[in-house]
Amino acid sequence: MKNQKKKSFPCRVFLWLLAILLAVCIAFGVYVSDYYHTDPAAEDALVSDRFVSVTEQNGNWVFAPESPTAGLIFYPGGKVENTAYAPLLHDLAEDGILCVLVKMPCNLAVLDMNAADSIPERFSEVTDWYIGGHSLGGAMAAWMNLQ
C-alpha cells in the first residue's frame, strides 16, 4: 500500500502542473485575442499613392517616399493591431521619412524586442535610422536603444 502512494503522488503532482500549464495557456490565448483592431479609415493609408509606396514585407508594412531622408522603425502598442498606425506613418513618409511598421507576435512587442535588428540593412539608401513606438512598443523600442 505504501508503494502505491509513492507512485500516485508524483503522478498527481504532474497532473496538477499540467492542469495549471493548460489554464495559463488558455488564459494567455484569451488575453491576446482581445486587441484593438484597425479602424476602417486607417486601412486607406495602406494604399500607395503618388507620394508614398506602401508594401508589406515579411509581415511588416513599409511606407517609402521617393527619396527618403531618414528611416523610422515603429513598434506598435501592446494589443494594438499594427496597421492602426498606418495614417501616422503614411504622413511621415510624405515628409520624406521611410517608415517600417513592425508586426509583433500576438500584438505584443515584448515577444520580439529585437524585431528591428535586420531592418536597416534591407534599406541601404537610408543612412540615419530612428526607432520608436507607442506604449509597450515604445518601451521595447527604448530598450532596444539601450542594448
N, C-alpha and C. Protein backbone atom coordinates (compact mmCIF):
# COMPACT_ATOMS: atom_id res chain seq x y z
N MET A 1 0.82 -1.18 0.00
CA MET A 1 0.00 0.00 0.00
C MET A 1 0.87 1.26 0.00
N LYS A 2 1.93 1.23 0.79
CA LYS A 2 2.84 2.37 0.86
C LYS A 2 3.48 2.64 -0.51
N ASN A 3 3.86 1.60 -1.23
CA ASN A 3 4.46 1.71 -2.54
C ASN A 3 3.50 2.35 -3.55
N GLN A 4 2.22 2.06 -3.44
CA GLN A 4 1.22 2.62 -4.33
C GLN A 4 1.07 4.12 -4.11
N LYS A 5 1.15 4.61 -2.88
CA LYS A 5 1.05 6.04 -2.58
C LYS A 5 2.23 6.80 -3.19
N LYS A 6 3.41 6.22 -3.12
CA LYS A 6 4.59 6.88 -3.69
C LYS A 6 4.45 7.06 -5.19
N LYS A 7 3.89 6.09 -5.87
CA LYS A 7 3.71 6.20 -7.31
C LYS A 7 2.62 7.21 -7.65
N SER A 8 1.59 7.26 -6.87
CA SER A 8 0.48 8.14 -7.21
C SER A 8 0.77 9.61 -6.87
N PHE A 9 1.59 9.88 -5.86
CA PHE A 9 1.89 11.27 -5.52
C PHE A 9 2.60 12.01 -6.66
N PRO A 10 3.67 11.46 -7.24
CA PRO A 10 4.28 12.13 -8.38
C PRO A 10 3.33 12.27 -9.57
N CYS A 11 2.48 11.29 -9.76
CA CYS A 11 1.51 11.36 -10.84
C CYS A 11 0.52 12.50 -10.60
N ARG A 12 0.05 12.63 -9.35
CA ARG A 12 -0.87 13.73 -9.02
C ARG A 12 -0.20 15.09 -9.17
N VAL A 13 1.03 15.21 -8.76
CA VAL A 13 1.77 16.47 -8.91
C VAL A 13 1.90 16.81 -10.40
N PHE A 14 2.25 15.83 -11.19
CA PHE A 14 2.38 16.04 -12.63
C PHE A 14 1.06 16.50 -13.24
N LEU A 15 -0.03 15.85 -12.88
CA LEU A 15 -1.34 16.22 -13.41
C LEU A 15 -1.74 17.63 -12.98
N TRP A 16 -1.45 18.01 -11.75
CA TRP A 16 -1.74 19.37 -11.29
C TRP A 16 -0.92 20.40 -12.07
N LEU A 17 0.36 20.13 -12.26
CA LEU A 17 1.21 21.05 -13.02
C LEU A 17 0.74 21.15 -14.46
N LEU A 18 0.32 20.03 -15.03
CA LEU A 18 -0.19 20.03 -16.39
C LEU A 18 -1.48 20.85 -16.48
N ALA A 19 -2.35 20.71 -15.49
CA ALA A 19 -3.61 21.48 -15.47
C ALA A 19 -3.33 22.97 -15.32
N ILE A 20 -2.37 23.34 -14.49
CA ILE A 20 -2.00 24.75 -14.31
C ILE A 20 -1.43 25.32 -15.60
N LEU A 21 -0.55 24.56 -16.24
CA LEU A 21 0.04 25.00 -17.52
C LEU A 21 -1.04 25.18 -18.58
N LEU A 22 -1.97 24.28 -18.65
CA LEU A 22 -3.07 24.38 -19.60
C LEU A 22 -3.92 25.61 -19.31
N ALA A 23 -4.21 25.88 -18.05
CA ALA A 23 -5.00 27.06 -17.67
C ALA A 23 -4.27 28.34 -18.04
N VAL A 24 -2.97 28.39 -17.83
CA VAL A 24 -2.17 29.57 -18.18
C VAL A 24 -2.18 29.77 -19.69
N CYS A 25 -2.03 28.71 -20.46
CA CYS A 25 -2.05 28.82 -21.92
C CYS A 25 -3.40 29.31 -22.43
N ILE A 26 -4.46 28.79 -21.86
CA ILE A 26 -5.80 29.23 -22.27
C ILE A 26 -6.01 30.71 -21.90
N ALA A 27 -5.60 31.09 -20.71
CA ALA A 27 -5.74 32.49 -20.28
C ALA A 27 -4.93 33.42 -21.18
N PHE A 28 -3.72 33.02 -21.56
CA PHE A 28 -2.91 33.83 -22.46
C PHE A 28 -3.57 33.96 -23.82
N GLY A 29 -4.11 32.86 -24.33
CA GLY A 29 -4.80 32.88 -25.62
C GLY A 29 -6.00 33.82 -25.60
N VAL A 30 -6.77 33.78 -24.53
CA VAL A 30 -7.92 34.69 -24.40
C VAL A 30 -7.44 36.12 -24.30
N TYR A 31 -6.38 36.36 -23.53
CA TYR A 31 -5.85 37.71 -23.34
C TYR A 31 -5.39 38.33 -24.66
N VAL A 32 -4.63 37.61 -25.45
CA VAL A 32 -4.09 38.19 -26.68
C VAL A 32 -5.11 38.24 -27.82
N SER A 33 -6.19 37.49 -27.72
CA SER A 33 -7.18 37.53 -28.78
C SER A 33 -8.09 38.76 -28.68
N ASP A 34 -8.05 39.45 -27.55
CA ASP A 34 -8.84 40.66 -27.36
C ASP A 34 -7.90 41.86 -27.53
N TYR A 35 -7.89 42.44 -28.75
CA TYR A 35 -6.98 43.55 -29.04
C TYR A 35 -7.70 44.61 -29.85
N TYR A 36 -7.05 45.78 -29.96
CA TYR A 36 -7.62 46.89 -30.72
C TYR A 36 -7.37 46.67 -32.21
N HIS A 37 -8.44 46.66 -32.97
CA HIS A 37 -8.34 46.43 -34.40
C HIS A 37 -8.19 47.75 -35.16
N THR A 38 -7.71 47.64 -36.38
CA THR A 38 -7.54 48.81 -37.24
C THR A 38 -8.89 49.40 -37.59
N ASP A 39 -8.97 50.71 -37.50
CA ASP A 39 -10.16 51.43 -37.92
C ASP A 39 -10.27 51.33 -39.44
N PRO A 40 -11.47 51.15 -39.98
CA PRO A 40 -11.59 51.06 -41.45
C PRO A 40 -11.00 52.27 -42.19
N ALA A 41 -11.07 53.44 -41.58
CA ALA A 41 -10.49 54.63 -42.22
C ALA A 41 -8.97 54.52 -42.29
N ALA A 42 -8.35 53.84 -41.33
CA ALA A 42 -6.89 53.70 -41.33
C ALA A 42 -6.42 52.79 -42.46
N GLU A 43 -7.29 51.91 -42.91
CA GLU A 43 -6.90 51.00 -43.99
C GLU A 43 -6.63 51.74 -45.29
N ASP A 44 -7.20 52.94 -45.44
CA ASP A 44 -6.92 53.74 -46.63
C ASP A 44 -5.45 54.14 -46.72
N ALA A 45 -4.80 54.26 -45.57
CA ALA A 45 -3.39 54.64 -45.55
C ALA A 45 -2.47 53.49 -45.93
N LEU A 46 -3.02 52.30 -46.12
CA LEU A 46 -2.22 51.14 -46.52
C LEU A 46 -2.14 51.00 -48.03
N VAL A 47 -2.59 52.02 -48.73
CA VAL A 47 -2.59 52.01 -50.20
C VAL A 47 -1.56 53.02 -50.70
N SER A 48 -0.79 52.60 -51.68
CA SER A 48 0.21 53.51 -52.27
C SER A 48 -0.49 54.66 -52.99
N ASP A 49 0.19 55.79 -53.01
CA ASP A 49 -0.29 56.93 -53.79
C ASP A 49 0.91 57.51 -54.54
N ARG A 50 0.76 58.69 -55.12
CA ARG A 50 1.86 59.23 -55.94
C ARG A 50 3.05 59.71 -55.11
N PHE A 51 2.87 59.85 -53.79
CA PHE A 51 3.96 60.32 -52.92
C PHE A 51 4.63 59.20 -52.13
N VAL A 52 3.86 58.17 -51.79
CA VAL A 52 4.35 57.11 -50.90
C VAL A 52 4.01 55.74 -51.48
N SER A 53 5.02 54.88 -51.52
CA SER A 53 4.82 53.49 -51.91
C SER A 53 4.62 52.67 -50.64
N VAL A 54 3.51 51.96 -50.56
CA VAL A 54 3.21 51.16 -49.37
C VAL A 54 3.26 49.68 -49.77
N THR A 55 4.12 48.93 -49.08
CA THR A 55 4.25 47.49 -49.35
C THR A 55 4.30 46.73 -48.04
N GLU A 56 3.95 45.47 -48.12
CA GLU A 56 4.07 44.58 -46.96
C GLU A 56 5.24 43.65 -47.21
N GLN A 57 6.19 43.63 -46.27
CA GLN A 57 7.38 42.79 -46.40
C GLN A 57 7.57 42.00 -45.12
N ASN A 58 7.46 40.70 -45.22
CA ASN A 58 7.63 39.81 -44.06
C ASN A 58 6.70 40.17 -42.91
N GLY A 59 5.50 40.60 -43.21
CA GLY A 59 4.54 40.98 -42.17
C GLY A 59 4.65 42.43 -41.73
N ASN A 60 5.76 43.08 -42.07
CA ASN A 60 5.95 44.49 -41.74
C ASN A 60 5.43 45.35 -42.89
N TRP A 61 4.93 46.52 -42.55
CA TRP A 61 4.48 47.47 -43.58
C TRP A 61 5.55 48.52 -43.79
N VAL A 62 5.88 48.78 -45.03
CA VAL A 62 6.90 49.76 -45.38
C VAL A 62 6.23 50.91 -46.12
N PHE A 63 6.45 52.13 -45.61
CA PHE A 63 5.94 53.35 -46.22
C PHE A 63 7.15 54.09 -46.76
N ALA A 64 7.34 54.04 -48.07
CA ALA A 64 8.57 54.53 -48.67
C ALA A 64 8.31 55.75 -49.56
N PRO A 65 8.93 56.88 -49.21
CA PRO A 65 8.88 58.04 -50.11
C PRO A 65 9.85 57.82 -51.26
N GLU A 66 9.79 58.68 -52.26
CA GLU A 66 10.66 58.51 -53.42
C GLU A 66 12.14 58.67 -53.04
N SER A 67 12.47 59.69 -52.27
CA SER A 67 13.85 59.92 -51.85
C SER A 67 13.89 60.10 -50.33
N PRO A 68 14.04 59.01 -49.59
CA PRO A 68 13.99 59.12 -48.13
C PRO A 68 15.18 59.89 -47.55
N THR A 69 14.90 60.71 -46.54
CA THR A 69 15.95 61.46 -45.85
C THR A 69 16.39 60.77 -44.57
N ALA A 70 15.54 59.91 -44.03
CA ALA A 70 15.83 59.16 -42.80
C ALA A 70 14.88 57.98 -42.74
N GLY A 71 15.09 57.11 -41.75
CA GLY A 71 14.23 55.95 -41.57
C GLY A 71 13.71 55.87 -40.15
N LEU A 72 12.49 55.40 -40.00
CA LEU A 72 11.87 55.20 -38.69
C LEU A 72 11.33 53.79 -38.61
N ILE A 73 11.75 53.07 -37.58
CA ILE A 73 11.20 51.76 -37.29
C ILE A 73 10.22 51.97 -36.15
N PHE A 74 8.96 51.55 -36.35
CA PHE A 74 7.91 51.84 -35.37
C PHE A 74 7.35 50.54 -34.79
N TYR A 75 7.40 50.44 -33.44
CA TYR A 75 6.83 49.30 -32.72
C TYR A 75 5.43 49.69 -32.24
N PRO A 76 4.40 48.91 -32.60
CA PRO A 76 3.04 49.23 -32.17
C PRO A 76 2.83 48.98 -30.68
N GLY A 77 1.81 49.62 -30.14
CA GLY A 77 1.45 49.44 -28.74
C GLY A 77 0.96 48.03 -28.46
N GLY A 78 0.97 47.65 -27.20
CA GLY A 78 0.51 46.33 -26.79
C GLY A 78 -0.96 46.13 -27.08
N LYS A 79 -1.25 44.99 -27.69
CA LYS A 79 -2.62 44.61 -28.02
C LYS A 79 -3.29 45.60 -28.97
N VAL A 80 -2.48 46.20 -29.85
CA VAL A 80 -2.99 47.08 -30.90
C VAL A 80 -2.53 46.51 -32.23
N GLU A 81 -3.46 46.32 -33.15
CA GLU A 81 -3.10 45.83 -34.48
C GLU A 81 -2.16 46.83 -35.14
N ASN A 82 -1.06 46.35 -35.69
CA ASN A 82 -0.03 47.27 -36.19
C ASN A 82 -0.54 48.22 -37.26
N THR A 83 -1.48 47.81 -38.09
CA THR A 83 -1.94 48.67 -39.17
C THR A 83 -2.75 49.87 -38.67
N ALA A 84 -3.08 49.91 -37.41
CA ALA A 84 -3.79 51.06 -36.85
C ALA A 84 -2.92 52.33 -36.92
N TYR A 85 -1.61 52.16 -37.05
CA TYR A 85 -0.69 53.29 -37.10
C TYR A 85 -0.39 53.73 -38.53
N ALA A 86 -1.03 53.13 -39.50
CA ALA A 86 -0.76 53.43 -40.91
C ALA A 86 -0.95 54.91 -41.26
N PRO A 87 -2.00 55.59 -40.81
CA PRO A 87 -2.14 57.02 -41.18
C PRO A 87 -0.96 57.87 -40.71
N LEU A 88 -0.50 57.64 -39.49
CA LEU A 88 0.63 58.39 -38.95
C LEU A 88 1.89 58.16 -39.79
N LEU A 89 2.18 56.90 -40.08
CA LEU A 89 3.41 56.59 -40.81
C LEU A 89 3.32 56.99 -42.28
N HIS A 90 2.13 56.93 -42.84
CA HIS A 90 1.94 57.40 -44.21
C HIS A 90 2.23 58.90 -44.28
N ASP A 91 1.74 59.66 -43.29
CA ASP A 91 2.01 61.10 -43.25
C ASP A 91 3.50 61.39 -43.09
N LEU A 92 4.18 60.63 -42.24
CA LEU A 92 5.63 60.83 -42.07
C LEU A 92 6.37 60.51 -43.37
N ALA A 93 5.93 59.48 -44.08
CA ALA A 93 6.57 59.13 -45.35
C ALA A 93 6.37 60.24 -46.37
N GLU A 94 5.24 60.91 -46.34
CA GLU A 94 5.03 62.05 -47.24
C GLU A 94 6.03 63.17 -46.97
N ASP A 95 6.54 63.22 -45.74
CA ASP A 95 7.55 64.21 -45.37
C ASP A 95 8.97 63.71 -45.62
N GLY A 96 9.12 62.56 -46.29
CA GLY A 96 10.44 62.08 -46.68
C GLY A 96 11.07 61.04 -45.77
N ILE A 97 10.34 60.54 -44.79
CA ILE A 97 10.89 59.55 -43.86
C ILE A 97 10.40 58.16 -44.25
N LEU A 98 11.33 57.26 -44.51
CA LEU A 98 10.96 55.88 -44.79
C LEU A 98 10.54 55.25 -43.46
N CYS A 99 9.34 54.72 -43.39
CA CYS A 99 8.81 54.17 -42.15
C CYS A 99 8.55 52.67 -42.29
N VAL A 100 8.97 51.92 -41.29
CA VAL A 100 8.72 50.49 -41.24
C VAL A 100 7.88 50.21 -40.01
N LEU A 101 6.67 49.74 -40.24
CA LEU A 101 5.73 49.41 -39.18
C LEU A 101 5.85 47.92 -38.90
N VAL A 102 6.38 47.58 -37.73
CA VAL A 102 6.73 46.21 -37.41
C VAL A 102 5.50 45.42 -36.94
N LYS A 103 5.37 44.20 -37.43
CA LYS A 103 4.32 43.28 -36.98
C LYS A 103 4.88 42.50 -35.81
N MET A 104 4.18 42.53 -34.68
CA MET A 104 4.63 41.83 -33.48
C MET A 104 3.80 40.57 -33.23
N PRO A 105 4.45 39.53 -32.72
CA PRO A 105 3.69 38.32 -32.41
C PRO A 105 2.65 38.59 -31.33
N CYS A 106 1.44 38.15 -31.56
CA CYS A 106 0.32 38.33 -30.62
C CYS A 106 0.09 39.80 -30.28
N ASN A 107 0.53 40.71 -31.15
CA ASN A 107 0.40 42.15 -30.93
C ASN A 107 1.04 42.62 -29.62
N LEU A 108 2.14 41.98 -29.25
CA LEU A 108 2.87 42.33 -28.04
C LEU A 108 4.36 42.48 -28.37
N ALA A 109 4.85 43.70 -28.33
CA ALA A 109 6.25 43.96 -28.68
C ALA A 109 7.23 43.26 -27.76
N VAL A 110 6.81 42.96 -26.57
CA VAL A 110 7.69 42.30 -25.61
C VAL A 110 8.08 40.89 -26.09
N LEU A 111 7.30 40.32 -27.01
CA LEU A 111 7.60 38.99 -27.51
C LEU A 111 8.63 38.98 -28.64
N ASP A 112 8.99 40.15 -29.15
CA ASP A 112 10.03 40.24 -30.19
C ASP A 112 10.70 41.61 -30.12
N MET A 113 11.40 41.85 -29.03
CA MET A 113 12.04 43.15 -28.83
C MET A 113 13.06 43.47 -29.91
N ASN A 114 13.67 42.45 -30.49
CA ASN A 114 14.74 42.64 -31.47
C ASN A 114 14.23 42.61 -32.91
N ALA A 115 12.97 42.88 -33.12
CA ALA A 115 12.38 42.84 -34.46
C ALA A 115 13.04 43.82 -35.42
N ALA A 116 13.63 44.87 -34.91
CA ALA A 116 14.23 45.91 -35.74
C ALA A 116 15.64 45.56 -36.21
N ASP A 117 16.23 44.53 -35.66
CA ASP A 117 17.64 44.24 -35.93
C ASP A 117 18.02 44.20 -37.41
N SER A 118 17.26 43.52 -38.23
CA SER A 118 17.66 43.32 -39.63
C SER A 118 17.06 44.35 -40.59
N ILE A 119 16.26 45.26 -40.08
CA ILE A 119 15.56 46.19 -40.98
C ILE A 119 16.50 47.19 -41.66
N PRO A 120 17.39 47.89 -40.96
CA PRO A 120 18.22 48.89 -41.64
C PRO A 120 19.05 48.34 -42.80
N GLU A 121 19.52 47.13 -42.68
CA GLU A 121 20.36 46.57 -43.76
C GLU A 121 19.56 46.29 -45.03
N ARG A 122 18.24 46.21 -44.93
CA ARG A 122 17.40 45.99 -46.12
C ARG A 122 17.15 47.28 -46.90
N PHE A 123 17.48 48.42 -46.31
CA PHE A 123 17.26 49.71 -46.96
C PHE A 123 18.55 50.50 -46.95
N SER A 124 19.46 50.14 -47.83
CA SER A 124 20.79 50.74 -47.84
C SER A 124 20.77 52.22 -48.22
N GLU A 125 19.69 52.69 -48.87
CA GLU A 125 19.62 54.10 -49.25
C GLU A 125 19.41 55.02 -48.06
N VAL A 126 19.03 54.46 -46.91
CA VAL A 126 18.79 55.25 -45.70
C VAL A 126 20.01 55.12 -44.79
N THR A 127 20.58 56.25 -44.41
CA THR A 127 21.76 56.22 -43.54
C THR A 127 21.44 56.57 -42.09
N ASP A 128 20.42 57.37 -41.85
CA ASP A 128 20.05 57.76 -40.49
C ASP A 128 18.76 57.05 -40.08
N TRP A 129 18.84 56.25 -39.01
CA TRP A 129 17.70 55.48 -38.55
C TRP A 129 17.28 55.90 -37.15
N TYR A 130 15.99 55.84 -36.91
CA TYR A 130 15.41 56.11 -35.60
C TYR A 130 14.45 54.97 -35.29
N ILE A 131 14.24 54.74 -34.00
CA ILE A 131 13.29 53.71 -33.58
C ILE A 131 12.39 54.31 -32.53
N GLY A 132 11.12 53.98 -32.62
CA GLY A 132 10.15 54.50 -31.66
C GLY A 132 8.93 53.61 -31.64
N GLY A 133 7.97 54.00 -30.84
CA GLY A 133 6.76 53.21 -30.76
C GLY A 133 5.76 53.84 -29.83
N HIS A 134 4.67 53.16 -29.65
CA HIS A 134 3.58 53.63 -28.80
C HIS A 134 3.43 52.68 -27.61
N SER A 135 3.34 53.23 -26.42
CA SER A 135 3.06 52.47 -25.21
C SER A 135 4.07 51.33 -25.03
N LEU A 136 3.60 50.09 -24.96
CA LEU A 136 4.51 48.96 -24.78
C LEU A 136 5.54 48.90 -25.91
N GLY A 137 5.12 49.22 -27.13
CA GLY A 137 6.05 49.24 -28.26
C GLY A 137 7.14 50.29 -28.07
N GLY A 138 6.76 51.45 -27.52
CA GLY A 138 7.75 52.48 -27.24
C GLY A 138 8.74 52.05 -26.18
N ALA A 139 8.25 51.35 -25.18
CA ALA A 139 9.14 50.85 -24.11
C ALA A 139 10.13 49.83 -24.67
N MET A 140 9.66 48.95 -25.56
CA MET A 140 10.55 47.95 -26.15
C MET A 140 11.53 48.61 -27.13
N ALA A 141 11.09 49.64 -27.83
CA ALA A 141 11.99 50.38 -28.72
C ALA A 141 13.08 51.06 -27.91
N ALA A 142 12.70 51.64 -26.77
CA ALA A 142 13.69 52.30 -25.90
C ALA A 142 14.67 51.24 -25.35
N TRP A 143 14.16 50.10 -25.01
CA TRP A 143 15.01 49.01 -24.51
C TRP A 143 16.01 48.61 -25.59
N MET A 144 15.55 48.57 -26.86
CA MET A 144 16.44 48.24 -27.97
C MET A 144 17.60 49.23 -28.04
N ASN A 145 17.30 50.52 -27.85
CA ASN A 145 18.32 51.56 -27.94
C ASN A 145 19.35 51.43 -26.82
N LEU A 146 18.96 50.88 -25.70
CA LEU A 146 19.88 50.75 -24.57
C LEU A 146 20.87 49.61 -24.74
N GLN A 147 20.54 48.68 -25.58
CA GLN A 147 21.41 47.50 -25.73
C GLN A 147 22.51 47.73 -26.72
